[in-house]
Amino acid sequence: LAFVLIATIGTQGVVTRLLSDLFG
């Protein structure tokens, strides 16, 4: 579960990067 969270909403996670690149 920790790996899933880090990979999705971690500091370099997929969702984190998408929110930063698309919406700033």
PDBML (XML) file of the C-alpha atoms, coordinates in Angstrom:
<?xml version="1.0" encoding="UTF-8" ?>
<PDBx:datablock datablockName="MODEL"
   xmlns:PDBx="http://pdbml.pdb.org/schema/pdbx-v50.xsd"
   xmlns:xsi="http://www.w3.org/2001/XMLSchema-instance"
   xsi:schemaLocation="http://pdbml.pdb.org/schema/pdbx-v50.xsd pdbx-v50.xsd">
   <PDBx:atom_siteCategory>
      <PDBx:atom_site id="1">
         <PDBx:B_iso_or_equiv>0.00</PDBx:B_iso_or_equiv>
         <PDBx:Cartn_x>0.000</PDBx:Cartn_x>
         <PDBx:Cartn_y>0.000</PDBx:Cartn_y>
         <PDBx:Cartn_z>0.000</PDBx:Cartn_z>
         <PDBx:auth_asym_id>A</PDBx:auth_asym_id>
         <PDBx:auth_atom_id>CA</PDBx:auth_atom_id>
         <PDBx:auth_comp_id>LEU</PDBx:auth_comp_id>
         <PDBx:auth_seq_id>1</PDBx:auth_seq_id>
         <PDBx:group_PDB>ATOM</PDBx:group_PDB>
         <PDBx:label_alt_id xsi:nil="true" />
         <PDBx:label_asym_id>A</PDBx:label_asym_id>
         <PDBx:label_atom_id>CA</PDBx:label_atom_id>
         <PDBx:label_comp_id>LEU</PDBx:label_comp_id>
         <PDBx:label_entity_id>1</PDBx:label_entity_id>
         <PDBx:label_seq_id>1</PDBx:label_seq_id>
         <PDBx:occupancy>1.00</PDBx:occupancy>
         <PDBx:pdbx_PDB_model_num>1</PDBx:pdbx_PDB_model_num>
         <PDBx:type_symbol>C</PDBx:type_symbol>
      </PDBx:atom_site>
      <PDBx:atom_site id="2">
         <PDBx:B_iso_or_equiv>0.00</PDBx:B_iso_or_equiv>
         <PDBx:Cartn_x>2.847</PDBx:Cartn_x>
         <PDBx:Cartn_y>2.391</PDBx:Cartn_y>
         <PDBx:Cartn_z>0.767</PDBx:Cartn_z>
         <PDBx:auth_asym_id>A</PDBx:auth_asym_id>
         <PDBx:auth_atom_id>CA</PDBx:auth_atom_id>
         <PDBx:auth_comp_id>ALA</PDBx:auth_comp_id>
         <PDBx:auth_seq_id>2</PDBx:auth_seq_id>
         <PDBx:group_PDB>ATOM</PDBx:group_PDB>
         <PDBx:label_alt_id xsi:nil="true" />
         <PDBx:label_asym_id>A</PDBx:label_asym_id>
         <PDBx:label_atom_id>CA</PDBx:label_atom_id>
         <PDBx:label_comp_id>ALA</PDBx:label_comp_id>
         <PDBx:label_entity_id>1</PDBx:label_entity_id>
         <PDBx:label_seq_id>2</PDBx:label_seq_id>
         <PDBx:occupancy>1.00</PDBx:occupancy>
         <PDBx:pdbx_PDB_model_num>1</PDBx:pdbx_PDB_model_num>
         <PDBx:type_symbol>C</PDBx:type_symbol>
      </PDBx:atom_site>
      <PDBx:atom_site id="3">
         <PDBx:B_iso_or_equiv>0.00</PDBx:B_iso_or_equiv>
         <PDBx:Cartn_x>4.370</PDBx:Cartn_x>
         <PDBx:Cartn_y>1.707</PDBx:Cartn_y>
         <PDBx:Cartn_z>-2.664</PDBx:Cartn_z>
         <PDBx:auth_asym_id>A</PDBx:auth_asym_id>
         <PDBx:auth_atom_id>CA</PDBx:auth_atom_id>
         <PDBx:auth_comp_id>PHE</PDBx:auth_comp_id>
         <PDBx:auth_seq_id>3</PDBx:auth_seq_id>
         <PDBx:group_PDB>ATOM</PDBx:group_PDB>
         <PDBx:label_alt_id xsi:nil="true" />
         <PDBx:label_asym_id>A</PDBx:label_asym_id>
         <PDBx:label_atom_id>CA</PDBx:label_atom_id>
         <PDBx:label_comp_id>PHE</PDBx:label_comp_id>
         <PDBx:label_entity_id>1</PDBx:label_entity_id>
         <PDBx:label_seq_id>3</PDBx:label_seq_id>
         <PDBx:occupancy>1.00</PDBx:occupancy>
         <PDBx:pdbx_PDB_model_num>1</PDBx:pdbx_PDB_model_num>
         <PDBx:type_symbol>C</PDBx:type_symbol>
      </PDBx:atom_site>
      <PDBx:atom_site id="4">
         <PDBx:B_iso_or_equiv>0.00</PDBx:B_iso_or_equiv>
         <PDBx:Cartn_x>1.035</PDBx:Cartn_x>
         <PDBx:Cartn_y>2.350</PDBx:Cartn_y>
         <PDBx:Cartn_z>-4.395</PDBx:Cartn_z>
         <PDBx:auth_asym_id>A</PDBx:auth_asym_id>
         <PDBx:auth_atom_id>CA</PDBx:auth_atom_id>
         <PDBx:auth_comp_id>VAL</PDBx:auth_comp_id>
         <PDBx:auth_seq_id>4</PDBx:auth_seq_id>
         <PDBx:group_PDB>ATOM</PDBx:group_PDB>
         <PDBx:label_alt_id xsi:nil="true" />
         <PDBx:label_asym_id>A</PDBx:label_asym_id>
         <PDBx:label_atom_id>CA</PDBx:label_atom_id>
         <PDBx:label_comp_id>VAL</PDBx:label_comp_id>
         <PDBx:label_entity_id>1</PDBx:label_entity_id>
         <PDBx:label_seq_id>4</PDBx:label_seq_id>
         <PDBx:occupancy>1.00</PDBx:occupancy>
         <PDBx:pdbx_PDB_model_num>1</PDBx:pdbx_PDB_model_num>
         <PDBx:type_symbol>C</PDBx:type_symbol>
      </PDBx:atom_site>
      <PDBx:atom_site id="5">
         <PDBx:B_iso_or_equiv>0.00</PDBx:B_iso_or_equiv>
         <PDBx:Cartn_x>0.635</PDBx:Cartn_x>
         <PDBx:Cartn_y>5.697</PDBx:Cartn_y>
         <PDBx:Cartn_z>-2.639</PDBx:Cartn_z>
         <PDBx:auth_asym_id>A</PDBx:auth_asym_id>
         <PDBx:auth_atom_id>CA</PDBx:auth_atom_id>
         <PDBx:auth_comp_id>LEU</PDBx:auth_comp_id>
         <PDBx:auth_seq_id>5</PDBx:auth_seq_id>
         <PDBx:group_PDB>ATOM</PDBx:group_PDB>
         <PDBx:label_alt_id xsi:nil="true" />
         <PDBx:label_asym_id>A</PDBx:label_asym_id>
         <PDBx:label_atom_id>CA</PDBx:label_atom_id>
         <PDBx:label_comp_id>LEU</PDBx:label_comp_id>
         <PDBx:label_entity_id>1</PDBx:label_entity_id>
         <PDBx:label_seq_id>5</PDBx:label_seq_id>
         <PDBx:occupancy>1.00</PDBx:occupancy>
         <PDBx:pdbx_PDB_model_num>1</PDBx:pdbx_PDB_model_num>
         <PDBx:type_symbol>C</PDBx:type_symbol>
      </PDBx:atom_site>
      <PDBx:atom_site id="6">
         <PDBx:B_iso_or_equiv>0.00</PDBx:B_iso_or_equiv>
         <PDBx:Cartn_x>4.202</PDBx:Cartn_x>
         <PDBx:Cartn_y>6.779</PDBx:Cartn_y>
         <PDBx:Cartn_z>-3.336</PDBx:Cartn_z>
         <PDBx:auth_asym_id>A</PDBx:auth_asym_id>
         <PDBx:auth_atom_id>CA</PDBx:auth_atom_id>
         <PDBx:auth_comp_id>ILE</PDBx:auth_comp_id>
         <PDBx:auth_seq_id>6</PDBx:auth_seq_id>
         <PDBx:group_PDB>ATOM</PDBx:group_PDB>
         <PDBx:label_alt_id xsi:nil="true" />
         <PDBx:label_asym_id>A</PDBx:label_asym_id>
         <PDBx:label_atom_id>CA</PDBx:label_atom_id>
         <PDBx:label_comp_id>ILE</PDBx:label_comp_id>
         <PDBx:label_entity_id>1</PDBx:label_entity_id>
         <PDBx:label_seq_id>6</PDBx:label_seq_id>
         <PDBx:occupancy>1.00</PDBx:occupancy>
         <PDBx:pdbx_PDB_model_num>1</PDBx:pdbx_PDB_model_num>
         <PDBx:type_symbol>C</PDBx:type_symbol>
      </PDBx:atom_site>
      <PDBx:atom_site id="7">
         <PDBx:B_iso_or_equiv>0.00</PDBx:B_iso_or_equiv>
         <PDBx:Cartn_x>3.913</PDBx:Cartn_x>
         <PDBx:Cartn_y>5.781</PDBx:Cartn_y>
         <PDBx:Cartn_z>-7.005</PDBx:Cartn_z>
         <PDBx:auth_asym_id>A</PDBx:auth_asym_id>
         <PDBx:auth_atom_id>CA</PDBx:auth_atom_id>
         <PDBx:auth_comp_id>ALA</PDBx:auth_comp_id>
         <PDBx:auth_seq_id>7</PDBx:auth_seq_id>
         <PDBx:group_PDB>ATOM</PDBx:group_PDB>
         <PDBx:label_alt_id xsi:nil="true" />
         <PDBx:label_asym_id>A</PDBx:label_asym_id>
         <PDBx:label_atom_id>CA</PDBx:label_atom_id>
         <PDBx:label_comp_id>ALA</PDBx:label_comp_id>
         <PDBx:label_entity_id>1</PDBx:label_entity_id>
         <PDBx:label_seq_id>7</PDBx:label_seq_id>
         <PDBx:occupancy>1.00</PDBx:occupancy>
         <PDBx:pdbx_PDB_model_num>1</PDBx:pdbx_PDB_model_num>
         <PDBx:type_symbol>C</PDBx:type_symbol>
      </PDBx:atom_site>
      <PDBx:atom_site id="8">
         <PDBx:B_iso_or_equiv>0.00</PDBx:B_iso_or_equiv>
         <PDBx:Cartn_x>0.630</PDBx:Cartn_x>
         <PDBx:Cartn_y>7.668</PDBx:Cartn_y>
         <PDBx:Cartn_z>-7.464</PDBx:Cartn_z>
         <PDBx:auth_asym_id>A</PDBx:auth_asym_id>
         <PDBx:auth_atom_id>CA</PDBx:auth_atom_id>
         <PDBx:auth_comp_id>THR</PDBx:auth_comp_id>
         <PDBx:auth_seq_id>8</PDBx:auth_seq_id>
         <PDBx:group_PDB>ATOM</PDBx:group_PDB>
         <PDBx:label_alt_id xsi:nil="true" />
         <PDBx:label_asym_id>A</PDBx:label_asym_id>
         <PDBx:label_atom_id>CA</PDBx:label_atom_id>
         <PDBx:label_comp_id>THR</PDBx:label_comp_id>
         <PDBx:label_entity_id>1</PDBx:label_entity_id>
         <PDBx:label_seq_id>8</PDBx:label_seq_id>
         <PDBx:occupancy>1.00</PDBx:occupancy>
         <PDBx:pdbx_PDB_model_num>1</PDBx:pdbx_PDB_model_num>
         <PDBx:type_symbol>C</PDBx:type_symbol>
      </PDBx:atom_site>
      <PDBx:atom_site id="9">
         <PDBx:B_iso_or_equiv>0.00</PDBx:B_iso_or_equiv>
         <PDBx:Cartn_x>0.603</PDBx:Cartn_x>
         <PDBx:Cartn_y>10.698</PDBx:Cartn_y>
         <PDBx:Cartn_z>-5.149</PDBx:Cartn_z>
         <PDBx:auth_asym_id>A</PDBx:auth_asym_id>
         <PDBx:auth_atom_id>CA</PDBx:auth_atom_id>
         <PDBx:auth_comp_id>ILE</PDBx:auth_comp_id>
         <PDBx:auth_seq_id>9</PDBx:auth_seq_id>
         <PDBx:group_PDB>ATOM</PDBx:group_PDB>
         <PDBx:label_alt_id xsi:nil="true" />
         <PDBx:label_asym_id>A</PDBx:label_asym_id>
         <PDBx:label_atom_id>CA</PDBx:label_atom_id>
         <PDBx:label_comp_id>ILE</PDBx:label_comp_id>
         <PDBx:label_entity_id>1</PDBx:label_entity_id>
         <PDBx:label_seq_id>9</PDBx:label_seq_id>
         <PDBx:occupancy>1.00</PDBx:occupancy>
         <PDBx:pdbx_PDB_model_num>1</PDBx:pdbx_PDB_model_num>
         <PDBx:type_symbol>C</PDBx:type_symbol>
      </PDBx:atom_site>
      <PDBx:atom_site id="10">
         <PDBx:B_iso_or_equiv>0.00</PDBx:B_iso_or_equiv>
         <PDBx:Cartn_x>4.202</PDBx:Cartn_x>
         <PDBx:Cartn_y>10.714</PDBx:Cartn_y>
         <PDBx:Cartn_z>-3.930</PDBx:Cartn_z>
         <PDBx:auth_asym_id>A</PDBx:auth_asym_id>
         <PDBx:auth_atom_id>CA</PDBx:auth_atom_id>
         <PDBx:auth_comp_id>GLY</PDBx:auth_comp_id>
         <PDBx:auth_seq_id>10</PDBx:auth_seq_id>
         <PDBx:group_PDB>ATOM</PDBx:group_PDB>
         <PDBx:label_alt_id xsi:nil="true" />
         <PDBx:label_asym_id>A</PDBx:label_asym_id>
         <PDBx:label_atom_id>CA</PDBx:label_atom_id>
         <PDBx:label_comp_id>GLY</PDBx:label_comp_id>
         <PDBx:label_entity_id>1</PDBx:label_entity_id>
         <PDBx:label_seq_id>10</PDBx:label_seq_id>
         <PDBx:occupancy>1.00</PDBx:occupancy>
         <PDBx:pdbx_PDB_model_num>1</PDBx:pdbx_PDB_model_num>
         <PDBx:type_symbol>C</PDBx:type_symbol>
      </PDBx:atom_site>
      <PDBx:atom_site id="11">
         <PDBx:B_iso_or_equiv>0.00</PDBx:B_iso_or_equiv>
         <PDBx:Cartn_x>6.477</PDBx:Cartn_x>
         <PDBx:Cartn_y>13.679</PDBx:Cartn_y>
         <PDBx:Cartn_z>-4.501</PDBx:Cartn_z>
         <PDBx:auth_asym_id>A</PDBx:auth_asym_id>
         <PDBx:auth_atom_id>CA</PDBx:auth_atom_id>
         <PDBx:auth_comp_id>THR</PDBx:auth_comp_id>
         <PDBx:auth_seq_id>11</PDBx:auth_seq_id>
         <PDBx:group_PDB>ATOM</PDBx:group_PDB>
         <PDBx:label_alt_id xsi:nil="true" />
         <PDBx:label_asym_id>A</PDBx:label_asym_id>
         <PDBx:label_atom_id>CA</PDBx:label_atom_id>
         <PDBx:label_comp_id>THR</PDBx:label_comp_id>
         <PDBx:label_entity_id>1</PDBx:label_entity_id>
         <PDBx:label_seq_id>11</PDBx:label_seq_id>
         <PDBx:occupancy>1.00</PDBx:occupancy>
         <PDBx:pdbx_PDB_model_num>1</PDBx:pdbx_PDB_model_num>
         <PDBx:type_symbol>C</PDBx:type_symbol>
      </PDBx:atom_site>
      <PDBx:atom_site id="12">
         <PDBx:B_iso_or_equiv>0.00</PDBx:B_iso_or_equiv>
         <PDBx:Cartn_x>7.287</PDBx:Cartn_x>
         <PDBx:Cartn_y>12.264</PDBx:Cartn_y>
         <PDBx:Cartn_z>-7.953</PDBx:Cartn_z>
         <PDBx:auth_asym_id>A</PDBx:auth_asym_id>
         <PDBx:auth_atom_id>CA</PDBx:auth_atom_id>
         <PDBx:auth_comp_id>GLN</PDBx:auth_comp_id>
         <PDBx:auth_seq_id>12</PDBx:auth_seq_id>
         <PDBx:group_PDB>ATOM</PDBx:group_PDB>
         <PDBx:label_alt_id xsi:nil="true" />
         <PDBx:label_asym_id>A</PDBx:label_asym_id>
         <PDBx:label_atom_id>CA</PDBx:label_atom_id>
         <PDBx:label_comp_id>GLN</PDBx:label_comp_id>
         <PDBx:label_entity_id>1</PDBx:label_entity_id>
         <PDBx:label_seq_id>12</PDBx:label_seq_id>
         <PDBx:occupancy>1.00</PDBx:occupancy>
         <PDBx:pdbx_PDB_model_num>1</PDBx:pdbx_PDB_model_num>
         <PDBx:type_symbol>C</PDBx:type_symbol>
      </PDBx:atom_site>
      <PDBx:atom_site id="13">
         <PDBx:B_iso_or_equiv>0.00</PDBx:B_iso_or_equiv>
         <PDBx:Cartn_x>4.158</PDBx:Cartn_x>
         <PDBx:Cartn_y>10.152</PDBx:Cartn_y>
         <PDBx:Cartn_z>-8.375</PDBx:Cartn_z>
         <PDBx:auth_asym_id>A</PDBx:auth_asym_id>
         <PDBx:auth_atom_id>CA</PDBx:auth_atom_id>
         <PDBx:auth_comp_id>GLY</PDBx:auth_comp_id>
         <PDBx:auth_seq_id>13</PDBx:auth_seq_id>
         <PDBx:group_PDB>ATOM</PDBx:group_PDB>
         <PDBx:label_alt_id xsi:nil="true" />
         <PDBx:label_asym_id>A</PDBx:label_asym_id>
         <PDBx:label_atom_id>CA</PDBx:label_atom_id>
         <PDBx:label_comp_id>GLY</PDBx:label_comp_id>
         <PDBx:label_entity_id>1</PDBx:label_entity_id>
         <PDBx:label_seq_id>13</PDBx:label_seq_id>
         <PDBx:occupancy>1.00</PDBx:occupancy>
         <PDBx:pdbx_PDB_model_num>1</PDBx:pdbx_PDB_model_num>
         <PDBx:type_symbol>C</PDBx:type_symbol>
      </PDBx:atom_site>
      <PDBx:atom_site id="14">
         <PDBx:B_iso_or_equiv>0.00</PDBx:B_iso_or_equiv>
         <PDBx:Cartn_x>2.141</PDBx:Cartn_x>
         <PDBx:Cartn_y>9.821</PDBx:Cartn_y>
         <PDBx:Cartn_z>-11.561</PDBx:Cartn_z>
         <PDBx:auth_asym_id>A</PDBx:auth_asym_id>
         <PDBx:auth_atom_id>CA</PDBx:auth_atom_id>
         <PDBx:auth_comp_id>VAL</PDBx:auth_comp_id>
         <PDBx:auth_seq_id>14</PDBx:auth_seq_id>
         <PDBx:group_PDB>ATOM</PDBx:group_PDB>
         <PDBx:label_alt_id xsi:nil="true" />
         <PDBx:label_asym_id>A</PDBx:label_asym_id>
         <PDBx:label_atom_id>CA</PDBx:label_atom_id>
         <PDBx:label_comp_id>VAL</PDBx:label_comp_id>
         <PDBx:label_entity_id>1</PDBx:label_entity_id>
         <PDBx:label_seq_id>14</PDBx:label_seq_id>
         <PDBx:occupancy>1.00</PDBx:occupancy>
         <PDBx:pdbx_PDB_model_num>1</PDBx:pdbx_PDB_model_num>
         <PDBx:type_symbol>C</PDBx:type_symbol>
      </PDBx:atom_site>
      <PDBx:atom_site id="15">
         <PDBx:B_iso_or_equiv>0.00</PDBx:B_iso_or_equiv>
         <PDBx:Cartn_x>-0.831</PDBx:Cartn_x>
         <PDBx:Cartn_y>11.830</PDBx:Cartn_y>
         <PDBx:Cartn_z>-10.314</PDBx:Cartn_z>
         <PDBx:auth_asym_id>A</PDBx:auth_asym_id>
         <PDBx:auth_atom_id>CA</PDBx:auth_atom_id>
         <PDBx:auth_comp_id>VAL</PDBx:auth_comp_id>
         <PDBx:auth_seq_id>15</PDBx:auth_seq_id>
         <PDBx:group_PDB>ATOM</PDBx:group_PDB>
         <PDBx:label_alt_id xsi:nil="true" />
         <PDBx:label_asym_id>A</PDBx:label_asym_id>
         <PDBx:label_atom_id>CA</PDBx:label_atom_id>
         <PDBx:label_comp_id>VAL</PDBx:label_comp_id>
         <PDBx:label_entity_id>1</PDBx:label_entity_id>
         <PDBx:label_seq_id>15</PDBx:label_seq_id>
         <PDBx:occupancy>1.00</PDBx:occupancy>
         <PDBx:pdbx_PDB_model_num>1</PDBx:pdbx_PDB_model_num>
         <PDBx:type_symbol>C</PDBx:type_symbol>
      </PDBx:atom_site>
      <PDBx:atom_site id="16">
         <PDBx:B_iso_or_equiv>0.00</PDBx:B_iso_or_equiv>
         <PDBx:Cartn_x>1.430</PDBx:Cartn_x>
         <PDBx:Cartn_y>14.419</PDBx:Cartn_y>
         <PDBx:Cartn_z>-8.742</PDBx:Cartn_z>
         <PDBx:auth_asym_id>A</PDBx:auth_asym_id>
         <PDBx:auth_atom_id>CA</PDBx:auth_atom_id>
         <PDBx:auth_comp_id>THR</PDBx:auth_comp_id>
         <PDBx:auth_seq_id>16</PDBx:auth_seq_id>
         <PDBx:group_PDB>ATOM</PDBx:group_PDB>
         <PDBx:label_alt_id xsi:nil="true" />
         <PDBx:label_asym_id>A</PDBx:label_asym_id>
         <PDBx:label_atom_id>CA</PDBx:label_atom_id>
         <PDBx:label_comp_id>THR</PDBx:label_comp_id>
         <PDBx:label_entity_id>1</PDBx:label_entity_id>
         <PDBx:label_seq_id>16</PDBx:label_seq_id>
         <PDBx:occupancy>1.00</PDBx:occupancy>
         <PDBx:pdbx_PDB_model_num>1</PDBx:pdbx_PDB_model_num>
         <PDBx:type_symbol>C</PDBx:type_symbol>
      </PDBx:atom_site>
      <PDBx:atom_site id="17">
         <PDBx:B_iso_or_equiv>0.00</PDBx:B_iso_or_equiv>
         <PDBx:Cartn_x>3.280</PDBx:Cartn_x>
         <PDBx:Cartn_y>15.007</PDBx:Cartn_y>
         <PDBx:Cartn_z>-12.022</PDBx:Cartn_z>
         <PDBx:auth_asym_id>A</PDBx:auth_asym_id>
         <PDBx:auth_atom_id>CA</PDBx:auth_atom_id>
         <PDBx:auth_comp_id>ARG</PDBx:auth_comp_id>
         <PDBx:auth_seq_id>17</PDBx:auth_seq_id>
         <PDBx:group_PDB>ATOM</PDBx:group_PDB>
         <PDBx:label_alt_id xsi:nil="true" />
         <PDBx:label_asym_id>A</PDBx:label_asym_id>
         <PDBx:label_atom_id>CA</PDBx:label_atom_id>
         <PDBx:label_comp_id>ARG</PDBx:label_comp_id>
         <PDBx:label_entity_id>1</PDBx:label_entity_id>
         <PDBx:label_seq_id>17</PDBx:label_seq_id>
         <PDBx:occupancy>1.00</PDBx:occupancy>
         <PDBx:pdbx_PDB_model_num>1</PDBx:pdbx_PDB_model_num>
         <PDBx:type_symbol>C</PDBx:type_symbol>
      </PDBx:atom_site>
      <PDBx:atom_site id="18">
         <PDBx:B_iso_or_equiv>0.00</PDBx:B_iso_or_equiv>
         <PDBx:Cartn_x>0.036</PDBx:Cartn_x>
         <PDBx:Cartn_y>15.171</PDBx:Cartn_y>
         <PDBx:Cartn_z>-14.014</PDBx:Cartn_z>
         <PDBx:auth_asym_id>A</PDBx:auth_asym_id>
         <PDBx:auth_atom_id>CA</PDBx:auth_atom_id>
         <PDBx:auth_comp_id>LEU</PDBx:auth_comp_id>
         <PDBx:auth_seq_id>18</PDBx:auth_seq_id>
         <PDBx:group_PDB>ATOM</PDBx:group_PDB>
         <PDBx:label_alt_id xsi:nil="true" />
         <PDBx:label_asym_id>A</PDBx:label_asym_id>
         <PDBx:label_atom_id>CA</PDBx:label_atom_id>
         <PDBx:label_comp_id>LEU</PDBx:label_comp_id>
         <PDBx:label_entity_id>1</PDBx:label_entity_id>
         <PDBx:label_seq_id>18</PDBx:label_seq_id>
         <PDBx:occupancy>1.00</PDBx:occupancy>
         <PDBx:pdbx_PDB_model_num>1</PDBx:pdbx_PDB_model_num>
         <PDBx:type_symbol>C</PDBx:type_symbol>
      </PDBx:atom_site>
      <PDBx:atom_site id="19">
         <PDBx:B_iso_or_equiv>0.00</PDBx:B_iso_or_equiv>
         <PDBx:Cartn_x>-1.452</PDBx:Cartn_x>
         <PDBx:Cartn_y>17.787</PDBx:Cartn_y>
         <PDBx:Cartn_z>-11.682</PDBx:Cartn_z>
         <PDBx:auth_asym_id>A</PDBx:auth_asym_id>
         <PDBx:auth_atom_id>CA</PDBx:auth_atom_id>
         <PDBx:auth_comp_id>LEU</PDBx:auth_comp_id>
         <PDBx:auth_seq_id>19</PDBx:auth_seq_id>
         <PDBx:group_PDB>ATOM</PDBx:group_PDB>
         <PDBx:label_alt_id xsi:nil="true" />
         <PDBx:label_asym_id>A</PDBx:label_asym_id>
         <PDBx:label_atom_id>CA</PDBx:label_atom_id>
         <PDBx:label_comp_id>LEU</PDBx:label_comp_id>
         <PDBx:label_entity_id>1</PDBx:label_entity_id>
         <PDBx:label_seq_id>19</PDBx:label_seq_id>
         <PDBx:occupancy>1.00</PDBx:occupancy>
         <PDBx:pdbx_PDB_model_num>1</PDBx:pdbx_PDB_model_num>
         <PDBx:type_symbol>C</PDBx:type_symbol>
      </PDBx:atom_site>
      <PDBx:atom_site id="20">
         <PDBx:B_iso_or_equiv>0.00</PDBx:B_iso_or_equiv>
         <PDBx:Cartn_x>1.746</PDBx:Cartn_x>
         <PDBx:Cartn_y>19.798</PDBx:Cartn_y>
         <PDBx:Cartn_z>-11.882</PDBx:Cartn_z>
         <PDBx:auth_asym_id>A</PDBx:auth_asym_id>
         <PDBx:auth_atom_id>CA</PDBx:auth_atom_id>
         <PDBx:auth_comp_id>SER</PDBx:auth_comp_id>
         <PDBx:auth_seq_id>20</PDBx:auth_seq_id>
         <PDBx:group_PDB>ATOM</PDBx:group_PDB>
         <PDBx:label_alt_id xsi:nil="true" />
         <PDBx:label_asym_id>A</PDBx:label_asym_id>
         <PDBx:label_atom_id>CA</PDBx:label_atom_id>
         <PDBx:label_comp_id>SER</PDBx:label_comp_id>
         <PDBx:label_entity_id>1</PDBx:label_entity_id>
         <PDBx:label_seq_id>20</PDBx:label_seq_id>
         <PDBx:occupancy>1.00</PDBx:occupancy>
         <PDBx:pdbx_PDB_model_num>1</PDBx:pdbx_PDB_model_num>
         <PDBx:type_symbol>C</PDBx:type_symbol>
      </PDBx:atom_site>
      <PDBx:atom_site id="21">
         <PDBx:B_iso_or_equiv>0.00</PDBx:B_iso_or_equiv>
         <PDBx:Cartn_x>2.196</PDBx:Cartn_x>
         <PDBx:Cartn_y>19.600</PDBx:Cartn_y>
         <PDBx:Cartn_z>-15.663</PDBx:Cartn_z>
         <PDBx:auth_asym_id>A</PDBx:auth_asym_id>
         <PDBx:auth_atom_id>CA</PDBx:auth_atom_id>
         <PDBx:auth_comp_id>ASP</PDBx:auth_comp_id>
         <PDBx:auth_seq_id>21</PDBx:auth_seq_id>
         <PDBx:group_PDB>ATOM</PDBx:group_PDB>
         <PDBx:label_alt_id xsi:nil="true" />
         <PDBx:label_asym_id>A</PDBx:label_asym_id>
         <PDBx:label_atom_id>CA</PDBx:label_atom_id>
         <PDBx:label_comp_id>ASP</PDBx:label_comp_id>
         <PDBx:label_entity_id>1</PDBx:label_entity_id>
         <PDBx:label_seq_id>21</PDBx:label_seq_id>
         <PDBx:occupancy>1.00</PDBx:occupancy>
         <PDBx:pdbx_PDB_model_num>1</PDBx:pdbx_PDB_model_num>
         <PDBx:type_symbol>C</PDBx:type_symbol>
      </PDBx:atom_site>
      <PDBx:atom_site id="22">
         <PDBx:B_iso_or_equiv>0.00</PDBx:B_iso_or_equiv>
         <PDBx:Cartn_x>-1.444</PDBx:Cartn_x>
         <PDBx:Cartn_y>20.049</PDBx:Cartn_y>
         <PDBx:Cartn_z>-16.704</PDBx:Cartn_z>
         <PDBx:auth_asym_id>A</PDBx:auth_asym_id>
         <PDBx:auth_atom_id>CA</PDBx:auth_atom_id>
         <PDBx:auth_comp_id>LEU</PDBx:auth_comp_id>
         <PDBx:auth_seq_id>22</PDBx:auth_seq_id>
         <PDBx:group_PDB>ATOM</PDBx:group_PDB>
         <PDBx:label_alt_id xsi:nil="true" />
         <PDBx:label_asym_id>A</PDBx:label_asym_id>
         <PDBx:label_atom_id>CA</PDBx:label_atom_id>
         <PDBx:label_comp_id>LEU</PDBx:label_comp_id>
         <PDBx:label_entity_id>1</PDBx:label_entity_id>
         <PDBx:label_seq_id>22</PDBx:label_seq_id>
         <PDBx:occupancy>1.00</PDBx:occupancy>
         <PDBx:pdbx_PDB_model_num>1</PDBx:pdbx_PDB_model_num>
         <PDBx:type_symbol>C</PDBx:type_symbol>
      </PDBx:atom_site>
      <PDBx:atom_site id="23">
         <PDBx:B_iso_or_equiv>0.00</PDBx:B_iso_or_equiv>
         <PDBx:Cartn_x>-2.823</PDBx:Cartn_x>
         <PDBx:Cartn_y>22.393</PDBx:Cartn_y>
         <PDBx:Cartn_z>-14.056</PDBx:Cartn_z>
         <PDBx:auth_asym_id>A</PDBx:auth_asym_id>
         <PDBx:auth_atom_id>CA</PDBx:auth_atom_id>
         <PDBx:auth_comp_id>PHE</PDBx:auth_comp_id>
         <PDBx:auth_seq_id>23</PDBx:auth_seq_id>
         <PDBx:group_PDB>ATOM</PDBx:group_PDB>
         <PDBx:label_alt_id xsi:nil="true" />
         <PDBx:label_asym_id>A</PDBx:label_asym_id>
         <PDBx:label_atom_id>CA</PDBx:label_atom_id>
         <PDBx:label_comp_id>PHE</PDBx:label_comp_id>
         <PDBx:label_entity_id>1</PDBx:label_entity_id>
         <PDBx:label_seq_id>23</PDBx:label_seq_id>
         <PDBx:occupancy>1.00</PDBx:occupancy>
         <PDBx:pdbx_PDB_model_num>1</PDBx:pdbx_PDB_model_num>
         <PDBx:type_symbol>C</PDBx:type_symbol>
      </PDBx:atom_site>
      <PDBx:atom_site id="24">
         <PDBx:B_iso_or_equiv>0.00</PDBx:B_iso_or_equiv>
         <PDBx:Cartn_x>0.247</PDBx:Cartn_x>
         <PDBx:Cartn_y>23.789</PDBx:Cartn_y>
         <PDBx:Cartn_z>-12.321</PDBx:Cartn_z>
         <PDBx:auth_asym_id>A</PDBx:auth_asym_id>
         <PDBx:auth_atom_id>CA</PDBx:auth_atom_id>
         <PDBx:auth_comp_id>GLY</PDBx:auth_comp_id>
         <PDBx:auth_seq_id>24</PDBx:auth_seq_id>
         <PDBx:group_PDB>ATOM</PDBx:group_PDB>
         <PDBx:label_alt_id xsi:nil="true" />
         <PDBx:label_asym_id>A</PDBx:label_asym_id>
         <PDBx:label_atom_id>CA</PDBx:label_atom_id>
         <PDBx:label_comp_id>GLY</PDBx:label_comp_id>
         <PDBx:label_entity_id>1</PDBx:label_entity_id>
         <PDBx:label_seq_id>24</PDBx:label_seq_id>
         <PDBx:occupancy>1.00</PDBx:occupancy>
         <PDBx:pdbx_PDB_model_num>1</PDBx:pdbx_PDB_model_num>
         <PDBx:type_symbol>C</PDBx:type_symbol>
      </PDBx:atom_site>
   </PDBx:atom_siteCategory>
</PDBx:datablock>
